[in-house]
Protein backbone atom coordinates (compact mmCIF):
# COMPACT_ATOMS: atom_id res chain seq x y z
CA UNK A 1 0.00 0.00 0.00
CA UNK A 2 1.09 3.54 -0.71
CA UNK A 3 0.29 6.57 1.39
CA UNK A 4 0.40 10.27 0.67
CA UNK A 5 0.42 13.08 3.25
CA UNK A 6 -1.14 16.39 2.26
CA UNK A 7 -0.77 19.69 4.10
CA UNK A 8 -3.88 21.87 3.94
CA UNK A 9 -3.48 25.45 5.24
CA UNK A 10 -6.76 26.58 6.74
CA UNK A 11 -8.64 29.28 8.58
CA UNK A 12 -11.53 27.30 10.01
CA UNK A 13 -14.15 30.07 9.83
CA UNK A 14 -13.46 30.88 6.18
CA UNK A 15 -12.35 27.78 4.30
CA UNK A 16 -14.75 24.99 5.19
CA UNK A 17 -16.02 24.73 1.61
CA UNK A 18 -12.45 24.53 0.27
CA UNK A 19 -11.69 21.68 2.69
CA UNK A 20 -14.82 19.82 1.60
CA UNK A 21 -13.86 20.15 -2.08
CA UNK A 22 -10.30 19.03 -1.35
CA UNK A 23 -11.44 15.92 0.53
CA UNK A 24 -13.98 15.00 -2.16
CA UNK A 25 -11.27 15.32 -4.82
CA UNK A 26 -8.91 12.77 -3.25
CA UNK A 27 -8.51 9.51 -5.16
CA UNK A 28 -7.82 7.23 -2.19
CA UNK A 29 -9.19 6.65 1.29
CA UNK A 30 -8.65 9.24 4.02
CA UNK A 31 -6.90 7.51 6.92
CA UNK A 32 -6.35 10.43 9.29
CA UNK A 33 -6.77 14.19 9.62
CA UNK A 34 -4.42 15.76 12.17
CA UNK A 35 -4.74 19.45 13.07
CA UNK A 36 -1.73 21.57 14.02
CA UNK A 37 -2.99 23.55 17.01
CA UNK A 38 -1.09 26.57 18.37
CA UNK A 39 -1.85 29.23 20.96
CA UNK A 40 -3.12 32.46 19.43
CA UNK A 41 -4.04 35.78 20.97
CA UNK A 42 -4.69 35.45 24.72
CA UNK A 43 -3.74 31.76 24.39
CA UNK A 44 -6.87 30.87 22.47
CA UNK A 45 -6.29 27.63 20.52
CA UNK A 46 -5.95 28.09 16.78
CA UNK A 47 -5.64 25.59 13.90
CA UNK A 48 -2.94 26.63 11.40
CA UNK A 49 -3.04 23.66 9.04
CA UNK A 50 -4.22 20.08 8.69
CA UNK A 51 -2.15 17.03 7.81
CA UNK A 52 -4.30 14.62 5.80
CA UNK A 53 -3.10 11.04 5.28
CA UNK A 54 -4.49 9.33 2.19
CA UNK A 55 -4.16 5.62 1.34
CA UNK A 56 -3.75 5.27 -2.41
CA UNK A 57 -5.45 2.45 -4.33
C-alpha atoms as a PDB file:
ATOM      1  CA  UNK A   1       0.000   0.000   0.000  1.00  0.00           C
ATOM      2  CA  UNK A   2       1.088   3.537  -0.710  1.00  0.00           C
ATOM      3  CA  UNK A   3       0.288   6.569   1.387  1.00  0.00           C
ATOM      4  CA  UNK A   4       0.399  10.268   0.665  1.00  0.00           C
ATOM      5  CA  UNK A   5       0.425  13.080   3.246  1.00  0.00           C
ATOM      6  CA  UNK A   6      -1.144  16.394   2.259  1.00  0.00           C
ATOM      7  CA  UNK A   7      -0.765  19.691   4.096  1.00  0.00           C
ATOM      8  CA  UNK A   8      -3.879  21.874   3.940  1.00  0.00           C
ATOM      9  CA  UNK A   9      -3.479  25.448   5.242  1.00  0.00           C
ATOM     10  CA  UNK A  10      -6.762  26.578   6.742  1.00  0.00           C
ATOM     11  CA  UNK A  11      -8.640  29.279   8.575  1.00  0.00           C
ATOM     12  CA  UNK A  12     -11.533  27.305  10.008  1.00  0.00           C
ATOM     13  CA  UNK A  13     -14.148  30.065   9.834  1.00  0.00           C
ATOM     14  CA  UNK A  14     -13.459  30.882   6.183  1.00  0.00           C
ATOM     15  CA  UNK A  15     -12.347  27.782   4.301  1.00  0.00           C
ATOM     16  CA  UNK A  16     -14.753  24.992   5.193  1.00  0.00           C
ATOM     17  CA  UNK A  17     -16.021  24.728   1.614  1.00  0.00           C
ATOM     18  CA  UNK A  18     -12.446  24.530   0.274  1.00  0.00           C
ATOM     19  CA  UNK A  19     -11.692  21.676   2.689  1.00  0.00           C
ATOM     20  CA  UNK A  20     -14.819  19.821   1.596  1.00  0.00           C
ATOM     21  CA  UNK A  21     -13.865  20.146  -2.083  1.00  0.00           C
ATOM     22  CA  UNK A  22     -10.297  19.025  -1.348  1.00  0.00           C
ATOM     23  CA  UNK A  23     -11.444  15.922   0.534  1.00  0.00           C
ATOM     24  CA  UNK A  24     -13.981  15.000  -2.156  1.00  0.00           C
ATOM     25  CA  UNK A  25     -11.268  15.324  -4.816  1.00  0.00           C
ATOM     26  CA  UNK A  26      -8.909  12.774  -3.253  1.00  0.00           C
ATOM     27  CA  UNK A  27      -8.509   9.505  -5.162  1.00  0.00           C
ATOM     28  CA  UNK A  28      -7.821   7.234  -2.191  1.00  0.00           C
ATOM     29  CA  UNK A  29      -9.193   6.646   1.290  1.00  0.00           C
ATOM     30  CA  UNK A  30      -8.647   9.240   4.024  1.00  0.00           C
ATOM     31  CA  UNK A  31      -6.896   7.515   6.925  1.00  0.00           C
ATOM     32  CA  UNK A  32      -6.353  10.435   9.286  1.00  0.00           C
ATOM     33  CA  UNK A  33      -6.772  14.189   9.623  1.00  0.00           C
ATOM     34  CA  UNK A  34      -4.422  15.758  12.172  1.00  0.00           C
ATOM     35  CA  UNK A  35      -4.740  19.448  13.066  1.00  0.00           C
ATOM     36  CA  UNK A  36      -1.727  21.568  14.020  1.00  0.00           C
ATOM     37  CA  UNK A  37      -2.991  23.554  17.005  1.00  0.00           C
ATOM     38  CA  UNK A  38      -1.094  26.566  18.373  1.00  0.00           C
ATOM     39  CA  UNK A  39      -1.854  29.226  20.957  1.00  0.00           C
ATOM     40  CA  UNK A  40      -3.125  32.456  19.432  1.00  0.00           C
ATOM     41  CA  UNK A  41      -4.041  35.781  20.967  1.00  0.00           C
ATOM     42  CA  UNK A  42      -4.687  35.454  24.720  1.00  0.00           C
ATOM     43  CA  UNK A  43      -3.743  31.764  24.391  1.00  0.00           C
ATOM     44  CA  UNK A  44      -6.866  30.872  22.468  1.00  0.00           C
ATOM     45  CA  UNK A  45      -6.287  27.627  20.521  1.00  0.00           C
ATOM     46  CA  UNK A  46      -5.951  28.091  16.775  1.00  0.00           C
ATOM     47  CA  UNK A  47      -5.641  25.591  13.904  1.00  0.00           C
ATOM     48  CA  UNK A  48      -2.941  26.625  11.404  1.00  0.00           C
ATOM     49  CA  UNK A  49      -3.043  23.663   9.039  1.00  0.00           C
ATOM     50  CA  UNK A  50      -4.221  20.078   8.692  1.00  0.00           C
ATOM     51  CA  UNK A  51      -2.153  17.028   7.806  1.00  0.00           C
ATOM     52  CA  UNK A  52      -4.304  14.620   5.802  1.00  0.00           C
ATOM     53  CA  UNK A  53      -3.100  11.042   5.281  1.00  0.00           C
ATOM     54  CA  UNK A  54      -4.493   9.328   2.191  1.00  0.00           C
ATOM     55  CA  UNK A  55      -4.157   5.618   1.335  1.00  0.00           C
ATOM     56  CA  UNK A  56      -3.752   5.271  -2.410  1.00  0.00           C
ATOM     57  CA  UNK A  57      -5.453   2.448  -4.331  1.00  0.00           C
END
